[in-house]
Amino acid sequence: MDTILEMRNITKTFPGVKALNNVNLNVRKGEIHALVGENGAGKSTLMKVLSGVYPHGSYEGEIHYNGQEQHFRDIGDSEAKGIIIIHQELALVPLLSIAENIFLGNEPAKFGIIDWHAAETRTRALLKKVGLREDPQTLITNLGVGKQQLVEIAKALSKEVELLILDEPTASLNEKDSDALLELLLEFKAQGISSILISHKLNEVGKVADRITVLRDGATIETLDKDAISEDRIVTSMVGRQLADRFPQREPDIGDVVFEVKDWVVHHHVHSDRTVINGINLNVRKGEVVGIAGLMGAGRTEFAMSVFGKAYGRKISGEVFIKGRKVDVSTIGKAVENGIAYVTEDRKTYGLNLIDHVKHNTTIVNLNAVSHGGVLDDMAELKVANEYRRKTNIRSSSIYQKTGNLSGGNQQKVVLSKWLFANPDLLMLDEPTRGIDVGAKYEIYSIINQLVSEGKSVLMISSEMPELLGVCDRIYVMNQGRIVGEMPAKEASQEKIMRAIIRAEGKTS
């Protein structure tokens, strides 16, 4: 098999940190090559070097593509050679149509006038390639995340792609959409297109990758062939140690009920005649981690957000109790005052101020604790931010580093720090380890364990069933806005949870 890409001794330095240190990578024609590593290992930086986001001259080393050394000055140069990158954060314009997005900046035109007929015809052909039956004039905002991801791939295919780079393409997809995307990658492989797949989901990597390159601390650790790929081997290479136990051990010490919701009903935030949450009753005890399992669209996030200051939904009814006392959660401020905190699944949009530093992000929800007479005490703020940076093991140059420049795992720890500082009785965690590597996951599980050992209560939403089984004491199963099952984690299994969901589906159909 011929080599299509060779990156030799790539070194990239930012002020105060060496992000890449003599990294080597070679990709063969028509192979799916996976790139794995912890958050901050240098995977995205390497791909930015390759695609010209970091231009030639800003790094050391050589890039050879189709047998020739390349000096990409920007992303346009690499695209002209057939290297297309699809970033983790989708770069689509929501209020433009599918066709407009696919050909944005690359519009088919005659005499300077856009040929919309040609654009739509080509869009139909591209959508067919990726298995979408949507009308080219459909607005992006009306598509689910899975379909948007396929539009991104169709956009890549419109540019005569030879090497497709996918950065965490399935991070926000459910299992069905993920499988469809992986099947598509295998089809591209059959057509001779090479792919570089960056993913934290090691089971997916094992399913489609021909070879895997592991990065750690900005250096290449090893490249494994398909027959040598095993989850344990990859994990050991990624974190430099055996993670014999993916979940830290904990002896539960469970007390009285801290948080209780009764007859909770929520209607859709736009279509108020549609019931999204239908009569939920649940409770969490002191020192307990309670999980909510369910498929995408079951209403888990909607439930958590509606309890947290009615941040989602309309016509909300029901009662919330903290330590037996009925509390008012009609605004986010009141929910926080009454000891409820919510760590969102979308840390970049709702969890952090990305252009501000770690210090301000840590103290923002509890400014009263670091101020006197309404005036902020900078030294008190400094002390708190450093304490939580140490406590949650945030890897940053200092507390003055912008949160937007941190890796996903460290951003998540800043969000956690922020809500821990609010000192809640109940911490709701929505997909707390999404897009995070196994090493950082372990650290977040340890923080959760620490919290409950201090007598706090945790309600955790996760799409990863092994995570729920490994971390929780008790699991509720949700489907179509209802609780359809409840079981102690010791008695639970993936099969039991799925059975409860399918049984509920049968009743509603």
Protein backbone atom coordinates (compact mmCIF):
# COMPACT_ATOMS: atom_id res chain seq x y z
CA MET A 1 0.00 0.00 0.00
CA ASP A 2 1.43 3.36 -1.02
CA THR A 3 1.89 6.12 1.52
CA ILE A 4 -0.28 9.20 0.89
CA LEU A 5 0.93 11.25 3.86
CA GLU A 6 4.10 11.40 5.90
CA MET A 7 4.64 13.88 8.71
CA ARG A 8 8.27 13.86 9.90
CA ASN A 9 9.61 15.21 13.20
CA ILE A 10 6.84 17.78 13.67
CA THR A 11 7.58 20.12 16.59
CA LYS A 12 5.20 22.95 17.52
CA THR A 13 5.82 25.33 20.40
CA PHE A 14 3.44 27.82 22.04
CA PRO A 15 4.62 30.34 24.66
CA GLY A 16 5.67 28.28 27.65
CA VAL A 17 4.59 24.88 26.28
CA LYS A 18 5.83 22.38 23.68
CA ALA A 19 2.56 21.06 22.18
CA LEU A 20 4.26 18.67 19.71
CA ASN A 21 7.68 17.12 20.11
CA ASN A 22 9.16 15.28 17.10
CA VAL A 23 5.85 13.69 16.11
CA ASN A 24 5.86 11.22 13.20
CA LEU A 25 2.77 10.03 11.36
CA ASN A 26 2.31 8.16 8.08
CA VAL A 27 -1.00 7.34 6.43
CA ARG A 28 -1.44 4.87 3.56
CA LYS A 29 -3.71 5.29 0.57
CA GLY A 30 -7.25 4.02 1.22
CA GLU A 31 -6.76 3.31 4.95
CA ILE A 32 -8.60 4.54 8.04
CA HIS A 33 -5.88 5.69 10.42
CA ALA A 34 -6.99 6.46 13.99
CA LEU A 35 -5.25 9.06 16.13
CA VAL A 36 -5.82 8.64 19.87
CA GLY A 37 -4.48 10.22 23.04
CA GLU A 38 -5.52 12.03 26.20
CA ASN A 39 -6.92 15.55 26.09
CA GLY A 40 -4.02 17.87 25.49
CA ALA A 41 -1.85 15.11 23.91
CA GLY A 42 -1.53 17.19 20.72
CA LYS A 43 -3.95 15.44 18.31
CA SER A 44 -5.85 18.54 17.18
CA THR A 45 -2.62 20.62 17.07
CA LEU A 46 -1.06 18.03 14.73
CA MET A 47 -4.10 18.16 12.44
CA LYS A 48 -4.01 21.97 12.41
CA VAL A 49 -0.36 21.79 11.32
CA LEU A 50 -1.34 19.37 8.55
CA SER A 51 -4.30 21.41 7.28
CA GLY A 52 -2.41 24.73 7.24
CA VAL A 53 -4.29 26.36 10.17
CA TYR A 54 -0.76 26.66 11.61
CA PRO A 55 1.12 27.71 8.44
CA HIS A 56 4.49 26.46 7.25
CA GLY A 57 7.22 28.27 9.20
CA SER A 58 5.28 28.28 12.49
CA TYR A 59 6.44 24.70 13.22
CA GLU A 60 9.52 22.54 12.69
CA GLY A 61 9.52 19.36 10.60
CA GLU A 62 8.31 18.24 7.16
CA ILE A 63 4.98 17.28 5.58
CA HIS A 64 5.14 14.97 2.54
CA TYR A 65 1.89 14.41 0.63
CA ASN A 66 1.64 12.20 -2.46
CA GLY A 67 5.43 12.02 -2.51
CA GLN A 68 6.02 15.80 -2.47
CA GLU A 69 7.05 18.09 0.39
CA GLN A 70 4.28 20.60 1.16
CA HIS A 71 4.42 24.15 2.53
CA PHE A 72 0.76 24.93 3.32
CA ARG A 73 0.25 28.64 4.08
CA ASP A 74 -3.42 28.31 5.03
CA ILE A 75 -6.40 25.91 4.96
CA GLY A 76 -7.12 26.85 1.30
CA ASP A 77 -3.73 25.39 0.26
CA SER A 78 -4.37 22.01 1.90
CA GLU A 79 -7.96 21.85 0.56
CA ALA A 80 -6.67 22.46 -2.97
CA LYS A 81 -4.57 19.27 -2.53
CA GLY A 82 -7.60 17.27 -1.34
CA ILE A 83 -6.93 17.38 2.45
CA ILE A 84 -10.23 18.22 4.15
CA ILE A 85 -10.68 18.57 7.93
CA ILE A 86 -14.02 18.32 9.75
CA HIS A 87 -13.70 19.88 13.19
CA GLN A 88 -15.40 18.66 16.38
CA GLU A 89 -17.51 21.84 16.55
CA LEU A 90 -19.63 21.83 13.42
CA ALA A 91 -18.92 24.82 11.20
CA LEU A 92 -22.36 25.17 9.59
CA VAL A 93 -24.52 28.30 9.35
CA PRO A 94 -27.86 27.35 10.99
CA LEU A 95 -30.09 29.74 9.02
CA LEU A 96 -28.71 28.83 5.60
CA SER A 97 -29.93 25.84 3.57
CA ILE A 98 -28.01 22.58 3.08
CA ALA A 99 -27.02 23.60 -0.47
CA GLU A 100 -25.88 27.07 0.65
CA ASN A 101 -23.74 25.53 3.42
CA ILE A 102 -22.15 22.91 1.18
CA PHE A 103 -21.01 25.44 -1.39
CA LEU A 104 -20.33 28.39 0.95
CA GLY A 105 -17.23 30.10 -0.42
CA ASN A 106 -17.10 27.55 -3.22
CA GLU A 107 -20.29 28.46 -5.14
CA PRO A 108 -20.75 27.16 -8.73
CA ALA A 109 -21.03 30.31 -10.86
CA LYS A 110 -21.25 31.51 -14.46
CA PHE A 111 -19.97 35.01 -15.28
CA GLY A 112 -19.90 35.85 -11.55
CA ILE A 113 -23.54 34.80 -11.00
CA ILE A 114 -24.25 31.82 -8.71
CA ASP A 115 -25.87 28.91 -10.56
CA TRP A 116 -28.35 27.72 -7.91
CA HIS A 117 -29.75 25.00 -10.18
CA ALA A 118 -26.27 23.44 -10.49
CA ALA A 119 -25.69 23.83 -6.72
CA GLU A 120 -28.94 22.00 -5.89
CA THR A 121 -28.32 19.24 -8.43
CA ARG A 122 -24.81 18.64 -7.05
CA THR A 123 -26.13 18.83 -3.46
CA ARG A 124 -28.68 16.07 -4.21
CA ALA A 125 -25.91 13.83 -5.57
CA LEU A 126 -23.67 14.54 -2.54
CA LEU A 127 -26.49 13.93 -0.04
CA LYS A 128 -27.21 10.61 -1.76
CA LYS A 129 -23.54 9.66 -1.28
CA VAL A 130 -23.75 10.22 2.49
CA GLY A 131 -27.19 8.57 2.80
CA LEU A 132 -29.33 11.72 3.37
CA ARG A 133 -32.71 12.13 1.69
CA GLU A 134 -33.25 15.77 2.72
CA ASP A 135 -34.28 18.54 0.37
CA PRO A 136 -31.24 20.75 -0.51
CA GLN A 137 -33.28 23.80 0.53
CA THR A 138 -33.84 22.51 4.09
CA LEU A 139 -32.39 24.88 6.69
CA ILE A 140 -29.55 23.44 8.81
CA THR A 141 -31.35 24.53 12.01
CA ASN A 142 -34.13 22.02 11.18
CA LEU A 143 -31.73 19.05 11.15
CA GLY A 144 -30.61 16.90 14.09
CA VAL A 145 -26.89 16.77 15.04
CA GLY A 146 -26.40 13.40 13.28
CA LYS A 147 -27.68 14.77 9.97
CA GLN A 148 -25.64 17.96 10.38
CA GLN A 149 -22.52 15.82 10.72
CA LEU A 150 -23.40 14.10 7.41
CA VAL A 151 -23.88 17.52 5.75
CA GLU A 152 -20.33 18.41 6.90
CA ILE A 153 -19.06 15.24 5.21
CA ALA A 154 -21.04 16.03 2.04
CA LYS A 155 -19.42 19.49 2.11
CA ALA A 156 -16.00 17.80 2.31
CA LEU A 157 -16.87 15.52 -0.62
CA SER A 158 -17.79 18.55 -2.74
CA LYS A 159 -14.09 19.49 -2.69
CA GLU A 160 -12.66 16.34 -4.31
CA VAL A 161 -11.31 14.89 -1.08
CA GLU A 162 -8.35 12.47 -1.02
CA LEU A 163 -7.60 12.62 2.72
CA LEU A 164 -10.48 13.20 5.14
CA ILE A 165 -9.68 14.24 8.73
CA LEU A 166 -12.49 13.78 11.27
CA ASP A 167 -12.02 15.27 14.75
CA GLU A 168 -14.32 13.49 17.24
CA PRO A 169 -17.06 13.00 14.63
CA THR A 170 -19.30 10.90 16.92
CA ALA A 171 -18.84 12.85 20.20
CA SER A 172 -22.36 14.26 20.13
CA LEU A 173 -24.09 11.42 18.22
CA ASN A 174 -26.21 8.59 19.54
CA GLU A 175 -25.29 4.98 18.87
CA LYS A 176 -27.41 4.61 15.71
CA ASP A 177 -26.02 7.79 14.08
CA SER A 178 -22.47 6.84 15.12
CA ASP A 179 -22.80 3.43 13.45
CA ALA A 180 -24.13 5.04 10.26
CA LEU A 181 -21.16 7.42 10.19
CA LEU A 182 -18.64 4.62 10.70
CA GLU A 183 -20.28 2.61 7.88
CA LEU A 184 -19.90 5.66 5.66
CA LEU A 185 -16.17 5.84 6.48
CA LEU A 186 -15.82 2.19 5.42
CA GLU A 187 -17.59 3.02 2.12
CA PHE A 188 -15.16 5.88 1.51
CA LYS A 189 -12.31 3.49 2.20
CA ALA A 190 -13.69 1.15 -0.49
CA GLN A 191 -13.63 4.15 -2.89
CA GLY A 192 -9.93 4.71 -2.12
CA ILE A 193 -10.35 7.75 0.18
CA SER A 194 -7.92 7.84 3.14
CA SER A 195 -9.22 8.98 6.54
CA ILE A 196 -7.64 10.14 9.80
CA LEU A 197 -10.07 9.53 12.65
CA ILE A 198 -9.54 11.29 16.00
CA SER A 199 -11.73 9.66 18.63
CA HIS A 200 -11.94 8.89 22.36
CA LYS A 201 -14.41 6.06 21.74
CA LEU A 202 -12.01 3.16 21.64
CA ASN A 203 -14.67 0.59 20.67
CA GLU A 204 -15.37 2.63 17.48
CA VAL A 205 -11.68 2.94 16.75
CA GLY A 206 -11.27 -0.84 17.06
CA LYS A 207 -14.24 -1.38 14.73
CA VAL A 208 -13.04 0.63 11.69
CA ALA A 209 -9.35 1.56 12.03
CA ASP A 210 -6.66 -0.23 9.98
CA ARG A 211 -3.90 1.28 12.14
CA ILE A 212 -3.74 3.42 15.27
CA THR A 213 -1.17 6.01 16.27
CA VAL A 214 -1.06 6.92 19.98
CA LEU A 215 0.09 10.37 21.11
CA ARG A 216 1.03 11.24 24.70
CA ASP A 217 2.27 14.62 25.96
CA GLY A 218 2.90 15.81 22.40
CA ALA A 219 5.01 12.80 21.38
CA THR A 220 4.34 9.70 19.26
CA ILE A 221 4.23 6.64 21.53
CA GLU A 222 3.50 3.87 18.99
CA THR A 223 1.59 2.89 15.86
CA LEU A 224 -0.40 -0.36 16.10
CA ASP A 225 -1.71 -2.58 13.29
CA LYS A 226 -5.31 -3.77 13.30
CA ASP A 227 -4.54 -7.21 14.75
CA ALA A 228 -2.60 -5.64 17.67
CA ILE A 229 -5.44 -3.28 18.62
CA SER A 230 -7.04 -3.87 22.02
CA GLU A 231 -8.66 -1.38 24.38
CA ASP A 232 -6.30 -2.21 27.24
CA ARG A 233 -3.22 -1.82 25.06
CA ILE A 234 -4.42 1.58 23.75
CA VAL A 235 -5.33 2.82 27.26
CA THR A 236 -1.92 1.83 28.62
CA SER A 237 -0.16 3.66 25.74
CA MET A 238 -2.40 6.74 26.13
CA VAL A 239 -2.05 7.30 29.85
CA GLY A 240 1.29 5.62 30.47
CA ARG A 241 -0.14 3.39 33.14
CA GLN A 242 -2.49 0.45 33.52
CA LEU A 243 -6.06 1.50 34.18
CA ALA A 244 -7.00 -1.89 35.53
CA ASP A 245 -10.02 -0.36 37.10
CA ARG A 246 -11.66 2.38 35.01
CA PHE A 247 -13.73 3.50 37.97
CA PRO A 248 -12.25 4.42 41.36
CA GLN A 249 -13.52 2.36 44.28
CA ARG A 250 -15.94 3.87 46.81
CA GLU A 251 -17.70 2.66 49.93
CA PRO A 252 -21.15 4.28 49.81
CA ASP A 253 -22.41 5.92 53.00
CA ILE A 254 -26.01 6.80 52.10
CA GLY A 255 -28.23 8.87 54.39
CA ASP A 256 -31.65 10.55 54.22
CA VAL A 257 -33.36 11.95 51.13
CA VAL A 258 -31.81 15.33 50.17
CA PHE A 259 -33.53 16.04 46.86
CA GLU A 260 -36.98 15.00 45.70
CA VAL A 261 -39.14 15.85 42.70
CA LYS A 262 -42.88 15.05 42.64
CA ASP A 263 -45.24 14.96 39.64
CA TRP A 264 -42.91 17.01 37.43
CA VAL A 265 -44.48 17.96 34.09
CA VAL A 266 -42.80 20.09 31.41
CA HIS A 267 -44.11 21.22 28.00
CA HIS A 268 -41.98 21.94 24.95
CA HIS A 269 -40.36 25.40 24.98
CA VAL A 270 -41.72 26.25 21.50
CA HIS A 271 -44.66 23.85 20.92
CA SER A 272 -46.36 24.28 24.31
CA ASP A 273 -49.07 21.71 23.50
CA ARG A 274 -46.37 18.97 23.45
CA THR A 275 -45.51 17.31 26.78
CA VAL A 276 -41.76 16.62 27.05
CA ILE A 277 -41.61 15.49 30.71
CA ASN A 278 -44.63 13.61 31.95
CA GLY A 279 -45.16 13.15 35.70
CA ILE A 280 -41.64 12.35 36.92
CA ASN A 281 -41.05 11.33 40.53
CA LEU A 282 -37.49 10.76 41.74
CA ASN A 283 -35.24 11.29 44.75
CA VAL A 284 -31.54 11.42 45.66
CA ARG A 285 -30.18 10.66 49.13
CA LYS A 286 -27.26 12.15 51.03
CA GLY A 287 -23.94 10.66 49.86
CA GLU A 288 -25.59 8.95 46.87
CA VAL A 289 -24.82 9.04 43.14
CA VAL A 290 -28.02 8.47 41.18
CA GLY A 291 -27.85 7.94 37.41
CA ILE A 292 -30.44 8.59 34.72
CA ALA A 293 -30.13 6.24 31.76
CA GLY A 294 -32.02 6.55 28.50
CA LEU A 295 -31.69 6.90 24.77
CA MET A 296 -31.11 10.21 22.99
CA GLY A 297 -34.33 12.22 23.11
CA ALA A 298 -35.64 10.53 26.28
CA GLY A 299 -35.93 13.95 27.95
CA ARG A 300 -33.10 13.65 30.51
CA THR A 301 -31.42 17.00 29.75
CA GLU A 302 -34.83 18.71 29.48
CA PHE A 303 -35.73 17.38 32.92
CA ALA A 304 -32.49 18.59 34.55
CA MET A 305 -32.67 22.02 32.90
CA SER A 306 -36.33 22.49 33.84
CA VAL A 307 -35.55 21.74 37.51
CA PHE A 308 -32.56 24.11 37.39
CA GLY A 309 -34.38 27.43 37.41
CA LYS A 310 -36.82 26.38 34.70
CA ALA A 311 -34.03 26.92 32.15
CA TYR A 312 -36.02 24.77 29.71
CA GLY A 313 -39.70 24.40 28.88
CA ARG A 314 -43.06 26.05 29.45
CA LYS A 315 -46.11 25.32 31.58
CA ILE A 316 -43.95 23.57 34.19
CA SER A 317 -45.74 22.00 37.16
CA GLY A 318 -44.74 19.79 40.09
CA GLU A 319 -42.83 20.18 43.35
CA VAL A 320 -39.16 20.20 44.32
CA PHE A 321 -38.00 19.41 47.86
CA ILE A 322 -34.54 19.92 49.40
CA LYS A 323 -34.06 18.11 52.75
CA GLY A 324 -37.85 17.77 53.09
CA ARG A 325 -38.49 21.49 52.51
CA LYS A 326 -40.42 22.60 49.44
CA VAL A 327 -38.25 25.07 47.48
CA ASP A 328 -38.78 27.63 44.75
CA VAL A 329 -36.75 26.85 41.61
CA SER A 330 -38.48 29.31 39.27
CA THR A 331 -35.20 31.09 38.39
CA ILE A 332 -31.59 29.93 38.16
CA GLY A 333 -30.64 32.30 41.02
CA LYS A 334 -33.29 30.74 43.29
CA ALA A 335 -32.24 27.20 42.33
CA VAL A 336 -28.61 27.99 43.23
CA GLU A 337 -29.69 29.67 46.51
CA ASN A 338 -31.61 26.52 47.41
CA GLY A 339 -28.57 24.30 46.89
CA ILE A 340 -29.04 23.00 43.33
CA ALA A 341 -26.28 23.16 40.70
CA TYR A 342 -26.32 21.94 37.10
CA VAL A 343 -23.23 21.10 35.03
CA THR A 344 -24.36 21.39 31.41
CA GLU A 345 -23.48 18.93 28.64
CA ASP A 346 -22.51 21.86 26.40
CA ARG A 347 -19.58 23.33 28.32
CA LYS A 348 -18.47 25.64 25.49
CA THR A 349 -21.83 27.38 24.98
CA TYR A 350 -23.44 27.33 28.43
CA GLY A 351 -20.74 26.26 30.89
CA LEU A 352 -17.87 28.69 30.43
CA ASN A 353 -16.88 32.16 29.36
CA LEU A 354 -14.21 31.00 26.89
CA ILE A 355 -12.57 34.40 26.44
CA ASP A 356 -12.08 34.84 30.20
CA HIS A 357 -9.51 33.11 32.40
CA VAL A 358 -9.81 30.22 34.85
CA LYS A 359 -9.99 32.49 37.92
CA HIS A 360 -13.12 34.39 36.87
CA ASN A 361 -14.82 31.26 35.58
CA THR A 362 -14.28 29.51 38.92
CA THR A 363 -15.78 32.21 41.15
CA ILE A 364 -18.55 33.61 38.94
CA VAL A 365 -21.52 31.79 40.53
CA ASN A 366 -20.61 32.62 44.13
CA LEU A 367 -19.17 36.15 44.06
CA ASN A 368 -20.57 36.93 47.53
CA ALA A 369 -18.05 34.48 49.00
CA VAL A 370 -15.11 36.45 47.54
CA SER A 371 -16.35 39.99 48.17
CA HIS A 372 -16.82 42.39 51.09
CA GLY A 373 -19.58 45.03 51.09
CA GLY A 374 -20.23 44.41 47.40
CA VAL A 375 -16.56 44.90 46.44
CA LEU A 376 -14.61 41.94 44.99
CA ASP A 377 -11.57 40.85 46.97
CA ASP A 378 -8.98 39.94 44.33
CA MET A 379 -6.76 38.05 46.80
CA ALA A 380 -9.68 35.97 48.08
CA GLU A 381 -10.61 35.18 44.44
CA LEU A 382 -6.99 34.24 43.70
CA LYS A 383 -6.89 31.91 46.70
CA VAL A 384 -10.18 30.17 45.78
CA ALA A 385 -9.23 29.70 42.12
CA ASN A 386 -5.82 28.21 43.04
CA GLU A 387 -7.44 25.92 45.62
CA TYR A 388 -9.93 24.51 43.08
CA ARG A 389 -7.28 24.28 40.37
CA ARG A 390 -5.29 22.05 42.75
CA LYS A 391 -8.39 20.18 43.99
CA THR A 392 -9.65 19.24 40.52
CA ASN A 393 -6.15 18.96 38.98
CA ILE A 394 -6.72 21.54 36.22
CA ARG A 395 -3.70 21.47 33.87
CA SER A 396 -3.18 25.11 32.91
CA SER A 397 -0.17 27.43 32.79
CA SER A 398 -1.82 29.45 35.62
CA ILE A 399 -5.27 30.56 36.77
CA TYR A 400 -4.90 33.44 34.29
CA GLN A 401 -4.96 31.16 31.26
CA LYS A 402 -8.03 31.62 29.03
CA THR A 403 -10.43 28.69 29.39
CA GLY A 404 -10.91 28.62 25.59
CA ASN A 405 -7.25 27.51 25.27
CA LEU A 406 -7.62 24.54 27.63
CA SER A 407 -8.26 20.96 26.49
CA GLY A 408 -11.81 19.57 26.76
CA GLY A 409 -11.06 17.60 29.94
CA ASN A 410 -9.58 20.63 31.69
CA GLN A 411 -12.49 22.83 30.59
CA GLN A 412 -14.84 20.32 32.15
CA LYS A 413 -12.87 20.50 35.41
CA VAL A 414 -13.23 24.32 35.41
CA VAL A 415 -17.03 23.94 35.03
CA LEU A 416 -17.01 21.45 37.92
CA SER A 417 -14.88 23.79 40.04
CA LYS A 418 -17.32 26.62 39.42
CA TRP A 419 -20.27 24.65 40.73
CA LEU A 420 -18.34 23.04 43.57
CA PHE A 421 -17.49 26.52 44.82
CA ALA A 422 -21.24 27.27 44.93
CA ASN A 423 -21.35 24.51 47.60
CA PRO A 424 -24.58 22.82 46.41
CA ASP A 425 -26.52 20.09 48.23
CA LEU A 426 -27.33 18.51 44.87
CA LEU A 427 -25.03 18.52 41.85
CA MET A 428 -26.67 17.55 38.54
CA LEU A 429 -24.12 16.36 36.00
CA ASP A 430 -25.21 16.18 32.36
CA GLU A 431 -22.82 14.03 30.28
CA PRO A 432 -19.87 15.03 32.52
CA THR A 433 -17.28 13.08 30.50
CA ARG A 434 -18.44 13.74 26.92
CA GLY A 435 -15.46 14.11 24.55
CA ILE A 436 -12.97 13.40 27.35
CA ASP A 437 -10.20 10.81 27.39
CA VAL A 438 -10.01 7.87 29.80
CA GLY A 439 -7.39 9.46 32.08
CA ALA A 440 -9.42 12.68 32.58
CA LYS A 441 -12.58 10.58 33.03
CA TYR A 442 -10.96 8.77 35.95
CA GLU A 443 -10.11 12.12 37.56
CA ILE A 444 -13.71 13.34 37.19
CA TYR A 445 -15.06 10.10 38.71
CA SER A 446 -12.65 10.64 41.63
CA ILE A 447 -14.03 14.19 42.12
CA ILE A 448 -17.59 12.77 42.16
CA ASN A 449 -16.55 10.18 44.76
CA GLN A 450 -14.92 12.90 46.87
CA LEU A 451 -18.13 14.96 46.72
CA VAL A 452 -20.42 12.20 47.93
CA SER A 453 -17.97 11.20 50.66
CA GLU A 454 -18.41 14.79 51.96
CA GLY A 455 -22.16 14.14 52.15
CA LYS A 456 -23.21 15.83 48.89
CA SER A 457 -25.71 14.27 46.49
CA VAL A 458 -25.12 13.74 42.76
CA LEU A 459 -27.63 13.19 39.95
CA MET A 460 -25.80 12.07 36.82
CA ILE A 461 -27.06 11.84 33.23
CA SER A 462 -24.90 9.78 30.90
CA SER A 463 -25.30 8.06 27.52
CA GLU A 464 -22.44 5.70 28.41
CA MET A 465 -24.02 2.78 30.25
CA PRO A 466 -20.71 1.34 31.57
CA GLU A 467 -20.13 4.76 33.18
CA LEU A 468 -23.52 4.71 34.94
CA LEU A 469 -22.94 1.15 36.12
CA GLY A 470 -19.42 1.97 37.32
CA VAL A 471 -20.12 5.24 39.15
CA CYS A 472 -23.74 5.19 40.39
CA ASP A 473 -25.41 3.64 43.43
CA ARG A 474 -28.89 3.65 41.88
CA ILE A 475 -30.17 4.11 38.34
CA TYR A 476 -33.44 5.49 36.97
CA VAL A 477 -34.32 4.57 33.39
CA MET A 478 -36.08 7.23 31.33
CA ASN A 479 -37.95 6.95 28.06
CA GLN A 480 -40.15 9.48 26.24
CA GLY A 481 -40.29 11.82 29.21
CA ARG A 482 -41.24 9.17 31.79
CA ILE A 483 -39.40 7.11 34.40
CA VAL A 484 -39.80 3.52 33.17
CA GLY A 485 -37.52 1.71 35.59
CA GLU A 486 -35.46 2.04 38.79
CA MET A 487 -32.79 -0.35 40.04
CA PRO A 488 -29.76 -0.48 42.36
CA ALA A 489 -26.57 -0.29 40.29
CA LYS A 490 -25.42 -3.65 41.73
CA GLU A 491 -28.46 -5.35 40.18
CA ALA A 492 -28.36 -3.35 36.93
CA SER A 493 -26.84 -4.32 33.59
CA GLN A 494 -26.88 -2.87 30.09
CA GLU A 495 -29.34 -5.58 29.06
CA LYS A 496 -31.71 -4.79 31.99
CA ILE A 497 -31.69 -1.06 31.18
CA MET A 498 -32.35 -1.68 27.47
CA ARG A 499 -35.12 -4.14 28.35
CA ALA A 500 -36.85 -1.48 30.49
CA ILE A 501 -36.65 1.00 27.58
CA ILE A 502 -37.91 -1.48 24.96
CA ARG A 503 -40.74 -2.64 27.23
CA ALA A 504 -41.80 1.01 27.64
CA GLU A 505 -41.56 1.56 23.86
CA GLY A 506 -43.92 -1.41 23.39
CA LYS A 507 -46.48 0.11 25.77
CA THR A 508 -46.49 3.49 24.04
CA SER A 509 -46.57 2.23 20.48
